Amino acid sequence: MTSSTRTFRSKTLRLTAIGVAATGLCVVGAGMAAASNPTSAFGQAVGTTVHAVGVDWSDMPDGYTQAQYEAFWAAEYSGEDLIELQELWSLDETETKSRAGQMLLDGEALPFAPGTHTTPELPADEQAAIAAFLDAGHTAEDVETLSALWDTEFVETKARAGQMVLDGEELPLGSATPADS
């Protein structure tokens, strides 16, 4: 074997290894992004794609089904209702939605009616700020963290944090990254 053939094979193997590693990183990154918000269009697309190629992968967290998710939100419970249920049951966000969704699927009543904890008619600028906060992918845990830090109610916290998002400021969440609940 000549020196140029060895060099060619070495470069080919190196480029193949780089390609395989890059593909693996892309797949892992897509999986992590889909897992952070499994009900988003991207999360659903990833779930559909991996199921189509025969991978048995759930795009929902363990113990939480799509039916539970849909039952909870279809009943028109608000994000504030979710936070109140979390506090009442001392569970995290996913466990709360799972439990509440399953109760609704089983025909059981939750401790309060949908929308009980929704703040009515916010000014347009506060609504826009809250929408920006939620659209950025922040979670109920982020609201709780910021509420504790700022000693504010949840709606005020979301509006203040949302205004920071609109202004391009970084939220004081440490190393936490946003994810959709």
N, C-alpha and C. Protein backbone atom coordinates (compact mmCIF):
# COMPACT_ATOMS: atom_id res chain seq x y z
N MET A 1 0.85 -1.16 0.00
CA MET A 1 0.00 0.00 0.00
C MET A 1 0.90 1.23 0.00
N THR A 2 0.55 2.18 -0.83
CA THR A 2 1.38 3.37 -0.96
C THR A 2 1.05 4.37 0.14
N SER A 3 1.95 5.31 0.29
CA SER A 3 1.77 6.36 1.30
C SER A 3 0.54 7.21 1.02
N SER A 4 0.28 7.49 -0.24
CA SER A 4 -0.87 8.32 -0.58
C SER A 4 -2.18 7.57 -0.31
N THR A 5 -2.20 6.24 -0.51
CA THR A 5 -3.39 5.45 -0.22
C THR A 5 -3.66 5.44 1.28
N ARG A 6 -2.60 5.28 2.08
CA ARG A 6 -2.76 5.31 3.54
C ARG A 6 -3.27 6.67 4.01
N THR A 7 -2.73 7.71 3.45
CA THR A 7 -3.16 9.07 3.80
C THR A 7 -4.63 9.27 3.45
N PHE A 8 -5.02 8.79 2.26
CA PHE A 8 -6.41 8.92 1.81
C PHE A 8 -7.34 8.15 2.76
N ARG A 9 -6.98 6.91 3.10
CA ARG A 9 -7.79 6.10 4.01
C ARG A 9 -7.86 6.74 5.39
N SER A 10 -6.76 7.26 5.86
CA SER A 10 -6.72 7.90 7.17
C SER A 10 -7.66 9.11 7.21
N LYS A 11 -7.60 9.93 6.14
CA LYS A 11 -8.47 11.10 6.07
C LYS A 11 -9.93 10.67 5.95
N THR A 12 -10.19 9.63 5.18
CA THR A 12 -11.56 9.14 5.01
C THR A 12 -12.12 8.63 6.33
N LEU A 13 -11.32 7.85 7.05
CA LEU A 13 -11.75 7.35 8.36
C LEU A 13 -11.99 8.49 9.34
N ARG A 14 -11.11 9.46 9.34
CA ARG A 14 -11.25 10.61 10.23
C ARG A 14 -12.52 11.40 9.91
N LEU A 15 -12.77 11.66 8.64
CA LEU A 15 -13.98 12.39 8.23
C LEU A 15 -15.24 11.57 8.53
N THR A 16 -15.18 10.27 8.35
CA THR A 16 -16.32 9.41 8.68
C THR A 16 -16.60 9.46 10.18
N ALA A 17 -15.55 9.37 10.99
CA ALA A 17 -15.72 9.43 12.44
C ALA A 17 -16.32 10.77 12.87
N ILE A 18 -15.85 11.85 12.26
CA ILE A 18 -16.38 13.18 12.57
C ILE A 18 -17.86 13.25 12.17
N GLY A 19 -18.20 12.71 11.01
CA GLY A 19 -19.58 12.70 10.54
C GLY A 19 -20.49 11.91 11.47
N VAL A 20 -20.02 10.73 11.90
CA VAL A 20 -20.81 9.91 12.82
C VAL A 20 -20.99 10.63 14.15
N ALA A 21 -19.94 11.22 14.67
CA ALA A 21 -20.04 11.95 15.94
C ALA A 21 -20.98 13.14 15.83
N ALA A 22 -20.87 13.88 14.74
CA ALA A 22 -21.75 15.04 14.54
C ALA A 22 -23.21 14.61 14.41
N THR A 23 -23.46 13.53 13.72
CA THR A 23 -24.82 13.02 13.58
C THR A 23 -25.36 12.60 14.94
N GLY A 24 -24.54 11.92 15.70
CA GLY A 24 -24.95 11.50 17.05
C GLY A 24 -25.29 12.68 17.93
N LEU A 25 -24.47 13.72 17.87
CA LEU A 25 -24.74 14.92 18.66
C LEU A 25 -26.04 15.59 18.21
N CYS A 26 -26.28 15.61 16.91
CA CYS A 26 -27.53 16.19 16.40
C CYS A 26 -28.74 15.41 16.89
N VAL A 27 -28.65 14.08 16.85
CA VAL A 27 -29.76 13.24 17.31
C VAL A 27 -30.00 13.46 18.79
N VAL A 28 -28.94 13.48 19.59
CA VAL A 28 -29.08 13.71 21.02
C VAL A 28 -29.66 15.09 21.28
N GLY A 29 -29.18 16.09 20.58
CA GLY A 29 -29.70 17.45 20.75
C GLY A 29 -31.17 17.54 20.39
N ALA A 30 -31.56 16.90 19.30
CA ALA A 30 -32.97 16.91 18.90
C ALA A 30 -33.81 16.19 19.94
N GLY A 31 -33.31 15.08 20.44
CA GLY A 31 -34.04 14.35 21.48
C GLY A 31 -34.21 15.17 22.74
N MET A 32 -33.16 15.88 23.15
CA MET A 32 -33.25 16.71 24.35
C MET A 32 -34.22 17.87 24.13
N ALA A 33 -34.18 18.48 22.97
CA ALA A 33 -35.10 19.58 22.67
C ALA A 33 -36.54 19.09 22.65
N ALA A 34 -36.76 17.93 22.06
CA ALA A 34 -38.11 17.37 22.00
C ALA A 34 -38.59 16.98 23.38
N ALA A 35 -37.69 16.45 24.21
CA ALA A 35 -38.08 16.05 25.56
C ALA A 35 -38.41 17.25 26.43
N SER A 36 -37.77 18.38 26.18
CA SER A 36 -38.04 19.55 27.00
C SER A 36 -39.42 20.13 26.72
N ASN A 37 -39.94 19.91 25.52
CA ASN A 37 -41.30 20.37 25.20
C ASN A 37 -41.91 19.37 24.23
N PRO A 38 -42.34 18.20 24.75
CA PRO A 38 -42.80 17.13 23.89
C PRO A 38 -44.07 17.45 23.11
N THR A 39 -44.83 18.43 23.53
CA THR A 39 -46.08 18.72 22.83
C THR A 39 -45.92 19.83 21.79
N SER A 40 -44.72 20.39 21.69
CA SER A 40 -44.48 21.40 20.66
C SER A 40 -44.48 20.73 19.29
N ALA A 41 -44.59 21.52 18.25
CA ALA A 41 -44.56 20.98 16.89
C ALA A 41 -43.26 20.21 16.66
N PHE A 42 -42.14 20.76 17.14
CA PHE A 42 -40.86 20.09 16.96
C PHE A 42 -40.83 18.78 17.73
N GLY A 43 -41.29 18.81 18.99
CA GLY A 43 -41.32 17.60 19.81
C GLY A 43 -42.17 16.51 19.18
N GLN A 44 -43.32 16.90 18.63
CA GLN A 44 -44.19 15.92 17.98
C GLN A 44 -43.55 15.39 16.70
N ALA A 45 -42.85 16.25 15.97
CA ALA A 45 -42.18 15.81 14.74
C ALA A 45 -41.08 14.81 15.06
N VAL A 46 -40.30 15.09 16.11
CA VAL A 46 -39.24 14.15 16.50
C VAL A 46 -39.86 12.83 16.94
N GLY A 47 -40.92 12.89 17.76
CA GLY A 47 -41.59 11.68 18.21
C GLY A 47 -42.12 10.86 17.06
N THR A 48 -42.74 11.51 16.10
CA THR A 48 -43.28 10.82 14.93
C THR A 48 -42.17 10.18 14.11
N THR A 49 -41.08 10.91 13.94
CA THR A 49 -39.96 10.41 13.14
C THR A 49 -39.32 9.18 13.78
N VAL A 50 -39.05 9.24 15.07
CA VAL A 50 -38.39 8.09 15.70
C VAL A 50 -39.32 6.88 15.75
N HIS A 51 -40.62 7.12 15.91
CA HIS A 51 -41.56 6.00 15.88
C HIS A 51 -41.62 5.39 14.48
N ALA A 52 -41.52 6.24 13.45
CA ALA A 52 -41.59 5.76 12.06
C ALA A 52 -40.41 4.85 11.71
N VAL A 53 -39.27 5.08 12.32
CA VAL A 53 -38.10 4.24 12.02
C VAL A 53 -37.99 3.07 12.99
N GLY A 54 -39.03 2.90 13.84
CA GLY A 54 -39.08 1.72 14.69
C GLY A 54 -38.46 1.86 16.06
N VAL A 55 -38.13 3.07 16.48
CA VAL A 55 -37.56 3.27 17.81
C VAL A 55 -38.71 3.42 18.80
N ASP A 56 -38.67 2.62 19.87
CA ASP A 56 -39.70 2.69 20.90
C ASP A 56 -39.29 3.78 21.89
N TRP A 57 -39.74 4.99 21.63
CA TRP A 57 -39.34 6.15 22.42
C TRP A 57 -40.57 6.97 22.73
N SER A 58 -40.75 7.33 23.97
CA SER A 58 -41.89 8.16 24.35
C SER A 58 -41.46 9.61 24.37
N ASP A 59 -42.28 10.47 23.79
CA ASP A 59 -41.96 11.88 23.79
C ASP A 59 -42.55 12.59 25.01
N MET A 60 -43.05 11.82 25.96
CA MET A 60 -43.57 12.37 27.21
C MET A 60 -42.70 11.84 28.35
N PRO A 61 -42.58 12.62 29.44
CA PRO A 61 -41.80 12.14 30.59
C PRO A 61 -42.41 10.85 31.17
N ASP A 62 -41.60 10.07 31.85
CA ASP A 62 -42.07 8.84 32.48
C ASP A 62 -43.27 9.12 33.38
N GLY A 63 -44.27 8.29 33.29
CA GLY A 63 -45.45 8.41 34.14
C GLY A 63 -46.43 9.49 33.70
N TYR A 64 -46.23 10.06 32.54
CA TYR A 64 -47.08 11.15 32.07
C TYR A 64 -47.44 10.86 30.62
N THR A 65 -48.72 10.77 30.34
CA THR A 65 -49.15 10.41 28.99
C THR A 65 -49.71 11.61 28.24
N GLN A 66 -49.76 11.47 26.93
CA GLN A 66 -50.34 12.51 26.09
C GLN A 66 -51.81 12.71 26.46
N ALA A 67 -52.51 11.62 26.77
CA ALA A 67 -53.93 11.72 27.15
C ALA A 67 -54.11 12.55 28.42
N GLN A 68 -53.22 12.36 29.40
CA GLN A 68 -53.30 13.15 30.64
C GLN A 68 -53.04 14.62 30.34
N TYR A 69 -52.03 14.88 29.54
CA TYR A 69 -51.70 16.26 29.16
C TYR A 69 -52.90 16.92 28.50
N GLU A 70 -53.46 16.25 27.50
CA GLU A 70 -54.59 16.82 26.77
C GLU A 70 -55.81 16.99 27.66
N ALA A 71 -56.07 16.04 28.56
CA ALA A 71 -57.22 16.15 29.46
C ALA A 71 -57.09 17.37 30.37
N PHE A 72 -55.89 17.60 30.90
CA PHE A 72 -55.69 18.73 31.80
C PHE A 72 -55.93 20.06 31.08
N TRP A 73 -55.28 20.25 29.93
CA TRP A 73 -55.40 21.54 29.25
C TRP A 73 -56.75 21.69 28.56
N ALA A 74 -57.34 20.59 28.10
CA ALA A 74 -58.66 20.67 27.46
C ALA A 74 -59.74 21.08 28.46
N ALA A 75 -59.52 20.79 29.73
CA ALA A 75 -60.48 21.19 30.78
C ALA A 75 -60.38 22.68 31.08
N GLU A 76 -59.44 23.36 30.41
CA GLU A 76 -59.25 24.81 30.51
C GLU A 76 -58.71 25.27 31.86
N TYR A 77 -57.87 24.43 32.47
CA TYR A 77 -57.16 24.88 33.66
C TYR A 77 -56.04 25.81 33.20
N SER A 78 -55.75 26.81 34.01
CA SER A 78 -54.74 27.81 33.66
C SER A 78 -53.38 27.43 34.26
N GLY A 79 -52.37 28.14 33.83
CA GLY A 79 -51.04 27.96 34.42
C GLY A 79 -51.04 28.28 35.90
N GLU A 80 -51.84 29.28 36.30
CA GLU A 80 -51.94 29.62 37.71
C GLU A 80 -52.64 28.51 38.49
N ASP A 81 -53.66 27.89 37.85
CA ASP A 81 -54.32 26.73 38.48
C ASP A 81 -53.30 25.61 38.70
N LEU A 82 -52.46 25.39 37.70
CA LEU A 82 -51.43 24.36 37.80
C LEU A 82 -50.51 24.62 38.99
N ILE A 83 -50.09 25.87 39.14
CA ILE A 83 -49.20 26.22 40.25
C ILE A 83 -49.89 26.00 41.58
N GLU A 84 -51.17 26.34 41.67
CA GLU A 84 -51.92 26.12 42.91
C GLU A 84 -52.03 24.63 43.23
N LEU A 85 -52.26 23.80 42.20
CA LEU A 85 -52.32 22.36 42.42
C LEU A 85 -50.96 21.82 42.86
N GLN A 86 -49.89 22.34 42.29
CA GLN A 86 -48.54 21.93 42.70
C GLN A 86 -48.34 22.20 44.18
N GLU A 87 -48.74 23.38 44.61
CA GLU A 87 -48.57 23.73 46.02
C GLU A 87 -49.47 22.89 46.91
N LEU A 88 -50.69 22.65 46.47
CA LEU A 88 -51.65 21.87 47.24
C LEU A 88 -51.18 20.43 47.42
N TRP A 89 -50.69 19.83 46.35
CA TRP A 89 -50.29 18.43 46.38
C TRP A 89 -48.80 18.22 46.66
N SER A 90 -48.03 19.28 46.74
CA SER A 90 -46.57 19.20 46.95
C SER A 90 -45.90 18.30 45.91
N LEU A 91 -46.25 18.54 44.64
CA LEU A 91 -45.67 17.78 43.54
C LEU A 91 -45.01 18.73 42.55
N ASP A 92 -44.13 18.18 41.70
CA ASP A 92 -43.56 19.03 40.66
C ASP A 92 -44.57 19.21 39.53
N GLU A 93 -44.21 20.00 38.56
CA GLU A 93 -45.13 20.37 37.48
C GLU A 93 -45.64 19.15 36.70
N THR A 94 -44.73 18.28 36.28
CA THR A 94 -45.12 17.12 35.49
C THR A 94 -46.00 16.17 36.29
N GLU A 95 -45.61 15.89 37.53
CA GLU A 95 -46.41 15.00 38.37
C GLU A 95 -47.80 15.58 38.62
N THR A 96 -47.88 16.90 38.77
CA THR A 96 -49.17 17.54 39.00
C THR A 96 -50.07 17.40 37.79
N LYS A 97 -49.53 17.68 36.60
CA LYS A 97 -50.34 17.56 35.38
C LYS A 97 -50.74 16.11 35.14
N SER A 98 -49.84 15.18 35.44
CA SER A 98 -50.14 13.77 35.28
C SER A 98 -51.29 13.36 36.20
N ARG A 99 -51.17 13.72 37.46
CA ARG A 99 -52.22 13.36 38.45
C ARG A 99 -53.55 14.01 38.09
N ALA A 100 -53.52 15.31 37.81
CA ALA A 100 -54.74 16.04 37.49
C ALA A 100 -55.37 15.50 36.21
N GLY A 101 -54.55 15.26 35.19
CA GLY A 101 -55.06 14.73 33.93
C GLY A 101 -55.69 13.36 34.11
N GLN A 102 -55.05 12.51 34.92
CA GLN A 102 -55.60 11.18 35.15
C GLN A 102 -56.91 11.27 35.92
N MET A 103 -56.98 12.18 36.90
CA MET A 103 -58.23 12.36 37.63
C MET A 103 -59.35 12.76 36.67
N LEU A 104 -59.06 13.67 35.77
CA LEU A 104 -60.06 14.12 34.81
C LEU A 104 -60.47 12.97 33.87
N LEU A 105 -59.50 12.18 33.43
CA LEU A 105 -59.81 11.03 32.58
C LEU A 105 -60.68 10.01 33.31
N ASP A 106 -60.48 9.90 34.61
CA ASP A 106 -61.26 8.97 35.43
C ASP A 106 -62.61 9.55 35.86
N GLY A 107 -62.90 10.79 35.44
CA GLY A 107 -64.17 11.41 35.79
C GLY A 107 -64.22 12.00 37.19
N GLU A 108 -63.05 12.14 37.82
CA GLU A 108 -62.98 12.71 39.16
C GLU A 108 -62.85 14.23 39.07
N ALA A 109 -63.34 14.90 40.09
CA ALA A 109 -63.24 16.36 40.14
C ALA A 109 -61.92 16.77 40.78
N LEU A 110 -61.34 17.84 40.27
CA LEU A 110 -60.15 18.42 40.90
C LEU A 110 -60.61 19.32 42.06
N PRO A 111 -59.70 19.73 42.92
CA PRO A 111 -60.09 20.51 44.11
C PRO A 111 -60.77 21.85 43.82
N PHE A 112 -60.65 22.35 42.59
CA PHE A 112 -61.30 23.61 42.23
C PHE A 112 -61.58 23.62 40.73
N ALA A 113 -62.47 24.50 40.34
CA ALA A 113 -62.89 24.59 38.93
C ALA A 113 -61.79 25.21 38.07
N PRO A 114 -61.80 24.91 36.76
CA PRO A 114 -60.82 25.52 35.85
C PRO A 114 -60.90 27.04 35.88
N GLY A 115 -59.75 27.67 35.82
CA GLY A 115 -59.69 29.13 35.77
C GLY A 115 -59.88 29.83 37.10
N THR A 116 -59.96 29.07 38.17
CA THR A 116 -60.17 29.66 39.49
C THR A 116 -59.04 30.62 39.85
N HIS A 117 -57.84 30.29 39.47
CA HIS A 117 -56.69 31.10 39.86
C HIS A 117 -56.13 31.95 38.73
N THR A 118 -56.92 32.20 37.71
CA THR A 118 -56.50 33.04 36.61
C THR A 118 -56.83 34.49 36.93
N THR A 119 -55.87 35.34 36.73
CA THR A 119 -56.09 36.76 36.96
C THR A 119 -56.82 37.35 35.76
N PRO A 120 -58.00 37.92 35.97
CA PRO A 120 -58.77 38.45 34.85
C PRO A 120 -58.21 39.76 34.31
N GLU A 121 -58.42 39.98 33.04
CA GLU A 121 -58.19 41.25 32.35
C GLU A 121 -56.94 42.01 32.78
N LEU A 122 -55.81 41.52 32.37
CA LEU A 122 -54.56 42.24 32.60
C LEU A 122 -54.41 43.30 31.51
N PRO A 123 -53.73 44.38 31.81
CA PRO A 123 -53.44 45.38 30.77
C PRO A 123 -52.67 44.71 29.61
N ALA A 124 -52.83 45.24 28.42
CA ALA A 124 -52.25 44.66 27.21
C ALA A 124 -50.73 44.50 27.32
N ASP A 125 -50.05 45.48 27.93
CA ASP A 125 -48.59 45.38 28.03
C ASP A 125 -48.17 44.24 28.96
N GLU A 126 -48.95 44.00 30.02
CA GLU A 126 -48.64 42.88 30.91
C GLU A 126 -48.94 41.55 30.23
N GLN A 127 -50.03 41.50 29.47
CA GLN A 127 -50.35 40.28 28.72
C GLN A 127 -49.24 39.97 27.72
N ALA A 128 -48.75 40.98 27.05
CA ALA A 128 -47.67 40.79 26.07
C ALA A 128 -46.39 40.30 26.77
N ALA A 129 -46.11 40.86 27.94
CA ALA A 129 -44.91 40.46 28.69
C ALA A 129 -45.04 39.01 29.15
N ILE A 130 -46.21 38.65 29.67
CA ILE A 130 -46.42 37.28 30.12
C ILE A 130 -46.32 36.31 28.94
N ALA A 131 -46.90 36.69 27.81
CA ALA A 131 -46.81 35.86 26.61
C ALA A 131 -45.35 35.68 26.19
N ALA A 132 -44.56 36.73 26.27
CA ALA A 132 -43.14 36.64 25.90
C ALA A 132 -42.41 35.69 26.84
N PHE A 133 -42.72 35.76 28.12
CA PHE A 133 -42.11 34.88 29.12
C PHE A 133 -42.45 33.42 28.80
N LEU A 134 -43.71 33.13 28.54
CA LEU A 134 -44.14 31.77 28.26
C LEU A 134 -43.62 31.29 26.91
N ASP A 135 -43.63 32.16 25.92
CA ASP A 135 -43.13 31.80 24.58
C ASP A 135 -41.64 31.49 24.60
N ALA A 136 -40.92 32.07 25.57
CA ALA A 136 -39.49 31.81 25.70
C ALA A 136 -39.23 30.42 26.30
N GLY A 137 -40.32 29.74 26.70
CA GLY A 137 -40.18 28.37 27.19
C GLY A 137 -39.96 28.23 28.68
N HIS A 138 -40.23 29.27 29.43
CA HIS A 138 -40.01 29.19 30.88
C HIS A 138 -41.11 28.37 31.54
N THR A 139 -40.77 27.76 32.66
CA THR A 139 -41.64 26.80 33.33
C THR A 139 -42.22 27.36 34.62
N ALA A 140 -43.12 26.58 35.20
CA ALA A 140 -43.70 26.93 36.50
C ALA A 140 -42.59 26.99 37.57
N GLU A 141 -41.59 26.14 37.43
CA GLU A 141 -40.47 26.18 38.38
C GLU A 141 -39.71 27.50 38.27
N ASP A 142 -39.59 28.02 37.05
CA ASP A 142 -38.94 29.33 36.86
C ASP A 142 -39.76 30.41 37.55
N VAL A 143 -41.08 30.34 37.42
CA VAL A 143 -41.95 31.32 38.08
C VAL A 143 -41.77 31.25 39.59
N GLU A 144 -41.75 30.03 40.14
CA GLU A 144 -41.57 29.87 41.58
C GLU A 144 -40.22 30.41 42.04
N THR A 145 -39.17 30.12 41.28
CA THR A 145 -37.83 30.60 41.63
C THR A 145 -37.79 32.13 41.65
N LEU A 146 -38.32 32.73 40.58
CA LEU A 146 -38.30 34.19 40.49
C LEU A 146 -39.22 34.83 41.53
N SER A 147 -40.37 34.22 41.79
CA SER A 147 -41.30 34.74 42.81
C SER A 147 -40.64 34.77 44.18
N ALA A 148 -39.91 33.70 44.49
CA ALA A 148 -39.21 33.65 45.77
C ALA A 148 -38.10 34.70 45.83
N LEU A 149 -37.38 34.85 44.72
CA LEU A 149 -36.29 35.82 44.66
C LEU A 149 -36.79 37.25 44.79
N TRP A 150 -37.88 37.55 44.09
CA TRP A 150 -38.40 38.92 44.04
C TRP A 150 -39.49 39.18 45.08
N ASP A 151 -39.95 38.13 45.76
CA ASP A 151 -41.05 38.23 46.72
C ASP A 151 -42.29 38.86 46.07
N THR A 152 -42.68 38.26 44.92
CA THR A 152 -43.82 38.74 44.16
C THR A 152 -44.81 37.60 43.93
N GLU A 153 -46.04 37.95 43.61
CA GLU A 153 -47.05 36.97 43.24
C GLU A 153 -46.72 36.44 41.85
N PHE A 154 -47.29 35.28 41.49
CA PHE A 154 -46.94 34.62 40.24
C PHE A 154 -47.22 35.47 39.01
N VAL A 155 -48.37 36.12 38.95
CA VAL A 155 -48.70 36.92 37.77
C VAL A 155 -47.74 38.09 37.63
N GLU A 156 -47.48 38.77 38.75
CA GLU A 156 -46.53 39.89 38.73
C GLU A 156 -45.14 39.40 38.32
N THR A 157 -44.77 38.22 38.81
CA THR A 157 -43.47 37.64 38.47
C THR A 157 -43.37 37.40 36.96
N LYS A 158 -44.41 36.77 36.38
CA LYS A 158 -44.38 36.48 34.95
C LYS A 158 -44.34 37.77 34.13
N ALA A 159 -45.08 38.78 34.56
CA ALA A 159 -45.08 40.04 33.83
C ALA A 159 -43.71 40.71 33.90
N ARG A 160 -43.12 40.72 35.09
CA ARG A 160 -41.80 41.35 35.26
C ARG A 160 -40.74 40.59 34.47
N ALA A 161 -40.77 39.25 34.57
CA ALA A 161 -39.79 38.44 33.84
C ALA A 161 -40.01 38.56 32.34
N GLY A 162 -41.27 38.60 31.92
CA GLY A 162 -41.57 38.75 30.50
C GLY A 162 -41.07 40.07 29.95
N GLN A 163 -41.18 41.13 30.75
CA GLN A 163 -40.66 42.43 30.30
C GLN A 163 -39.15 42.36 30.15
N MET A 164 -38.49 41.61 31.05
CA MET A 164 -37.05 41.42 30.92
C MET A 164 -36.72 40.68 29.63
N VAL A 165 -37.54 39.66 29.30
CA VAL A 165 -37.34 38.91 28.05
C VAL A 165 -37.50 39.86 26.87
N LEU A 166 -38.56 40.67 26.89
CA LEU A 166 -38.79 41.63 25.80
C LEU A 166 -37.65 42.63 25.67
N ASP A 167 -37.06 43.02 26.81
CA ASP A 167 -35.96 43.98 26.80
C ASP A 167 -34.61 43.34 26.51
N GLY A 168 -34.60 42.01 26.33
CA GLY A 168 -33.36 41.30 26.03
C GLY A 168 -32.46 41.10 27.23
N GLU A 169 -33.02 41.22 28.42
CA GLU A 169 -32.24 41.04 29.64
C GLU A 169 -32.25 39.57 30.05
N GLU A 170 -31.20 39.14 30.73
CA GLU A 170 -31.11 37.77 31.22
C GLU A 170 -31.82 37.65 32.56
N LEU A 171 -32.63 36.61 32.71
CA LEU A 171 -33.34 36.39 33.97
C LEU A 171 -32.39 35.79 35.00
N PRO A 172 -32.55 36.13 36.26
CA PRO A 172 -31.65 35.61 37.30
C PRO A 172 -32.05 34.19 37.72
N LEU A 173 -31.87 33.26 36.80
CA LEU A 173 -32.23 31.88 37.07
C LEU A 173 -31.01 30.98 37.23
N GLY A 174 -29.86 31.55 37.38
CA GLY A 174 -28.65 30.74 37.51
C GLY A 174 -28.36 29.99 36.24
N SER A 175 -28.05 28.70 36.37
CA SER A 175 -27.74 27.90 35.19
C SER A 175 -28.96 27.21 34.61
N ALA A 176 -30.16 27.51 35.16
CA ALA A 176 -31.38 26.89 34.64
C ALA A 176 -31.63 27.36 33.22
N THR A 177 -32.14 26.45 32.40
CA THR A 177 -32.49 26.81 31.03
C THR A 177 -33.98 26.68 30.86
N PRO A 178 -34.58 27.50 29.98
CA PRO A 178 -36.00 27.41 29.80
C PRO A 178 -36.43 26.12 29.15
N ALA A 179 -37.60 25.64 29.56
CA ALA A 179 -38.20 24.46 28.97
C ALA A 179 -39.70 24.61 29.05
N ASP A 180 -40.69 24.16 28.00
CA ASP A 180 -42.11 24.27 27.99
C ASP A 180 -42.70 23.25 28.88
N SER A 181 -43.75 23.56 29.81
CA SER A 181 -44.46 22.67 30.62
C SER A 181 -45.67 22.27 30.00
